């Protein structure tokens, strides 16, 4: 992603996504990774941010639950493998949505710190594929 995931997601083509074919992290595999990139690409092609999607979903009721549900539905609006849906909780089917709520808390924190994505500066995705 060349240290610029937002631009990568917005412009990734078939060849870029093909390079992710060896990605695996626990239960999240290359199919899931590619589906997430496509889902985010769909959001960024139609909205300025994920926040805009959530706010749109909250318009009628003011409910964050409805906002998160709208985000999930928008995220999965593009073709994707059904298995990928397990990585994004469906709060309308009884899930507490712990991961998405933790993500939202992480994203809105006010501590003036950069996001830490877990890679050292000299590490790259291709290094992970080689192992």
C-alpha atoms as a PDB file:
ATOM      1  CA  UNK A   1       0.000   0.000   0.000  1.00  0.00           C
ATOM      2  CA  UNK A   2       3.105   2.188  -0.151  1.00  0.00           C
ATOM      3  CA  UNK A   3       2.381   3.672   3.297  1.00  0.00           C
ATOM      4  CA  UNK A   4      -0.789   5.271   1.917  1.00  0.00           C
ATOM      5  CA  UNK A   5      -3.695   2.856   2.486  1.00  0.00           C
ATOM      6  CA  UNK A   6      -6.401   5.410   1.641  1.00  0.00           C
ATOM      7  CA  UNK A   7      -4.999   6.145  -1.826  1.00  0.00           C
ATOM      8  CA  UNK A   8      -4.270   2.455  -2.380  1.00  0.00           C
ATOM      9  CA  UNK A   9      -7.862   1.508  -1.557  1.00  0.00           C
ATOM     10  CA  UNK A  10      -9.244   4.231  -3.813  1.00  0.00           C
ATOM     11  CA  UNK A  11      -7.090   3.264  -6.794  1.00  0.00           C
ATOM     12  CA  UNK A  12      -6.314  -0.465  -6.429  1.00  0.00           C
ATOM     13  CA  UNK A  13      -6.796  -2.367  -9.671  1.00  0.00           C
ATOM     14  CA  UNK A  14      -6.898  -6.078 -10.417  1.00  0.00           C
ATOM     15  CA  UNK A  15      -3.098  -6.395 -10.470  1.00  0.00           C
ATOM     16  CA  UNK A  16      -2.788  -4.621  -7.107  1.00  0.00           C
ATOM     17  CA  UNK A  17      -5.365  -6.932  -5.579  1.00  0.00           C
ATOM     18  CA  UNK A  18      -3.757  -9.999  -7.140  1.00  0.00           C
ATOM     19  CA  UNK A  19      -0.610  -9.274  -5.093  1.00  0.00           C
ATOM     20  CA  UNK A  20      -2.677  -9.834  -1.948  1.00  0.00           C
ATOM     21  CA  UNK A  21      -3.426 -13.440  -2.887  1.00  0.00           C
ATOM     22  CA  UNK A  22      -1.043 -14.827  -0.262  1.00  0.00           C
ATOM     23  CA  UNK A  23      -2.344 -12.724   2.631  1.00  0.00           C
ATOM     24  CA  UNK A  24      -3.419 -14.579   5.777  1.00  0.00           C
ATOM     25  CA  UNK A  25      -3.896 -13.354   9.319  1.00  0.00           C
ATOM     26  CA  UNK A  26      -5.551 -15.828  11.657  1.00  0.00           C
ATOM     27  CA  UNK A  27      -9.043 -16.309  10.162  1.00  0.00           C
ATOM     28  CA  UNK A  28      -8.778 -13.321   7.797  1.00  0.00           C
ATOM     29  CA  UNK A  29      -7.510 -14.520   4.421  1.00  0.00           C
ATOM     30  CA  UNK A  30      -6.798 -12.984   1.027  1.00  0.00           C
ATOM     31  CA  UNK A  31     -10.434 -13.301  -0.054  1.00  0.00           C
ATOM     32  CA  UNK A  32     -11.484 -11.328   3.013  1.00  0.00           C
ATOM     33  CA  UNK A  33      -8.743  -8.742   2.534  1.00  0.00           C
ATOM     34  CA  UNK A  34      -9.698  -8.142  -1.095  1.00  0.00           C
ATOM     35  CA  UNK A  35     -13.389  -7.948  -0.193  1.00  0.00           C
ATOM     36  CA  UNK A  36     -12.611  -5.374   2.505  1.00  0.00           C
ATOM     37  CA  UNK A  37     -10.612  -3.285   0.048  1.00  0.00           C
ATOM     38  CA  UNK A  38     -13.467  -3.466  -2.458  1.00  0.00           C
ATOM     39  CA  UNK A  39     -16.006  -2.569   0.240  1.00  0.00           C
ATOM     40  CA  UNK A  40     -13.968   0.419   1.351  1.00  0.00           C
ATOM     41  CA  UNK A  41     -13.415   1.417  -2.261  1.00  0.00           C
ATOM     42  CA  UNK A  42     -17.184   1.385  -2.778  1.00  0.00           C
ATOM     43  CA  UNK A  43     -17.657   3.614   0.271  1.00  0.00           C
ATOM     44  CA  UNK A  44     -14.939   6.083  -0.767  1.00  0.00           C
ATOM     45  CA  UNK A  45     -16.286   6.220  -4.332  1.00  0.00           C
ATOM     46  CA  UNK A  46     -19.723   7.223  -3.043  1.00  0.00           C
ATOM     47  CA  UNK A  47     -19.041   9.051   0.245  1.00  0.00           C
ATOM     48  CA  UNK A  48     -16.331  11.263   1.677  1.00  0.00           C
ATOM     49  CA  UNK A  49     -15.821   8.970   4.654  1.00  0.00           C
ATOM     50  CA  UNK A  50     -17.171   6.040   6.636  1.00  0.00           C
ATOM     51  CA  UNK A  51     -18.477   8.632   9.081  1.00  0.00           C
ATOM     52  CA  UNK A  52     -20.735  10.038   6.343  1.00  0.00           C
ATOM     53  CA  UNK A  53     -22.217   6.571   5.823  1.00  0.00           C
ATOM     54  CA  UNK A  54     -22.884   6.167   9.543  1.00  0.00           C
ATOM     55  CA  UNK A  55     -24.427   9.632   9.823  1.00  0.00           C
ATOM     56  CA  UNK A  56     -26.659   8.934   6.820  1.00  0.00           C
ATOM     57  CA  UNK A  57     -27.871   5.755   8.510  1.00  0.00           C
ATOM     58  CA  UNK A  58     -28.616   7.661  11.719  1.00  0.00           C
ATOM     59  CA  UNK A  59     -30.741  10.375  10.065  1.00  0.00           C
ATOM     60  CA  UNK A  60     -34.152   8.856  10.761  1.00  0.00           C
ATOM     61  CA  UNK A  61     -33.728   7.612  14.322  1.00  0.00           C
ATOM     62  CA  UNK A  62     -30.481   9.143  15.583  1.00  0.00           C
ATOM     63  CA  UNK A  63     -29.468   5.616  16.560  1.00  0.00           C
ATOM     64  CA  UNK A  64     -25.812   4.616  16.278  1.00  0.00           C
ATOM     65  CA  UNK A  65     -27.044   1.047  15.830  1.00  0.00           C
ATOM     66  CA  UNK A  66     -28.846   2.100  12.643  1.00  0.00           C
ATOM     67  CA  UNK A  67     -25.735   3.985  11.518  1.00  0.00           C
ATOM     68  CA  UNK A  68     -23.524   0.947  11.987  1.00  0.00           C
ATOM     69  CA  UNK A  69     -26.070  -1.248  10.229  1.00  0.00           C
ATOM     70  CA  UNK A  70     -26.128   1.165   7.274  1.00  0.00           C
ATOM     71  CA  UNK A  71     -22.308   1.146   7.192  1.00  0.00           C
ATOM     72  CA  UNK A  72     -22.291  -2.663   7.068  1.00  0.00           C
ATOM     73  CA  UNK A  73     -24.928  -2.770   4.330  1.00  0.00           C
ATOM     74  CA  UNK A  74     -23.071  -0.158   2.276  1.00  0.00           C
ATOM     75  CA  UNK A  75     -19.759  -1.943   2.845  1.00  0.00           C
ATOM     76  CA  UNK A  76     -21.169  -5.219   1.516  1.00  0.00           C
ATOM     77  CA  UNK A  77     -23.159  -3.665  -1.341  1.00  0.00           C
ATOM     78  CA  UNK A  78     -20.548  -4.851  -3.864  1.00  0.00           C
ATOM     79  CA  UNK A  79     -20.094  -8.519  -4.805  1.00  0.00           C
ATOM     80  CA  UNK A  80     -18.160 -10.386  -2.129  1.00  0.00           C
ATOM     81  CA  UNK A  81     -17.664 -13.850  -0.711  1.00  0.00           C
ATOM     82  CA  UNK A  82     -20.243 -14.679   1.972  1.00  0.00           C
ATOM     83  CA  UNK A  83     -17.468 -15.840   4.335  1.00  0.00           C
ATOM     84  CA  UNK A  84     -16.178 -12.278   4.569  1.00  0.00           C
ATOM     85  CA  UNK A  85     -19.328 -11.120   6.340  1.00  0.00           C
ATOM     86  CA  UNK A  86     -18.254 -12.915   9.520  1.00  0.00           C
ATOM     87  CA  UNK A  87     -15.563 -10.262   9.995  1.00  0.00           C
ATOM     88  CA  UNK A  88     -18.082  -7.412  10.219  1.00  0.00           C
ATOM     89  CA  UNK A  89     -20.743  -8.108  12.852  1.00  0.00           C
ATOM     90  CA  UNK A  90     -24.401  -7.796  11.949  1.00  0.00           C
ATOM     91  CA  UNK A  91     -25.849  -5.962  14.932  1.00  0.00           C
ATOM     92  CA  UNK A  92     -29.363  -6.468  13.556  1.00  0.00           C
ATOM     93  CA  UNK A  93     -28.965 -10.204  14.099  1.00  0.00           C
ATOM     94  CA  UNK A  94     -28.107  -9.977  17.800  1.00  0.00           C
ATOM     95  CA  UNK A  95     -24.382  -9.269  17.690  1.00  0.00           C
ATOM     96  CA  UNK A  96     -23.041  -6.677  20.113  1.00  0.00           C
ATOM     97  CA  UNK A  97     -20.672  -5.447  17.384  1.00  0.00           C
ATOM     98  CA  UNK A  98     -17.688  -5.360  19.720  1.00  0.00           C
ATOM     99  CA  UNK A  99     -15.072  -5.036  16.946  1.00  0.00           C
ATOM    100  CA  UNK A 100     -16.839  -2.220  15.107  1.00  0.00           C
ATOM    101  CA  UNK A 101     -17.511  -0.360  18.354  1.00  0.00           C
ATOM    102  CA  UNK A 102     -13.869  -0.731  19.418  1.00  0.00           C
ATOM    103  CA  UNK A 103     -12.810   0.480  15.967  1.00  0.00           C
ATOM    104  CA  UNK A 104     -15.054   3.530  16.244  1.00  0.00           C
ATOM    105  CA  UNK A 105     -13.710   4.353  19.717  1.00  0.00           C
ATOM    106  CA  UNK A 106     -10.159   4.023  18.392  1.00  0.00           C
ATOM    107  CA  UNK A 107     -10.862   6.270  15.407  1.00  0.00           C
ATOM    108  CA  UNK A 108     -12.527   9.076  17.367  1.00  0.00           C
ATOM    109  CA  UNK A 109     -10.058   9.247  20.235  1.00  0.00           C
ATOM    110  CA  UNK A 110      -8.582  12.664  20.925  1.00  0.00           C
ATOM    111  CA  UNK A 111      -4.986  12.026  21.951  1.00  0.00           C
ATOM    112  CA  UNK A 112      -3.165  13.624  18.992  1.00  0.00           C
ATOM    113  CA  UNK A 113      -1.354  10.375  18.204  1.00  0.00           C
ATOM    114  CA  UNK A 114      -0.902   8.740  14.818  1.00  0.00           C
ATOM    115  CA  UNK A 115      -2.616   5.468  14.065  1.00  0.00           C
ATOM    116  CA  UNK A 116      -0.367   2.469  14.686  1.00  0.00           C
ATOM    117  CA  UNK A 117      -1.098  -0.324  12.227  1.00  0.00           C
ATOM    118  CA  UNK A 118       1.339  -2.885  13.611  1.00  0.00           C
ATOM    119  CA  UNK A 119       4.131  -2.797  11.011  1.00  0.00           C
ATOM    120  CA  UNK A 120       7.617  -1.561  11.653  1.00  0.00           C
ATOM    121  CA  UNK A 121       8.832   1.108   9.222  1.00  0.00           C
ATOM    122  CA  UNK A 122      11.137  -1.289   7.365  1.00  0.00           C
ATOM    123  CA  UNK A 123       8.543  -4.042   7.035  1.00  0.00           C
ATOM    124  CA  UNK A 124       6.402  -4.428   3.981  1.00  0.00           C
ATOM    125  CA  UNK A 125       3.567  -6.660   2.915  1.00  0.00           C
ATOM    126  CA  UNK A 126       5.821  -8.429   0.395  1.00  0.00           C
ATOM    127  CA  UNK A 127       8.058  -9.469   3.283  1.00  0.00           C
ATOM    128  CA  UNK A 128       5.084 -11.230   4.872  1.00  0.00           C
ATOM    129  CA  UNK A 129       4.230 -13.017   1.615  1.00  0.00           C
ATOM    130  CA  UNK A 130       7.776 -14.350   1.366  1.00  0.00           C
ATOM    131  CA  UNK A 131       7.458 -16.182   4.690  1.00  0.00           C
END
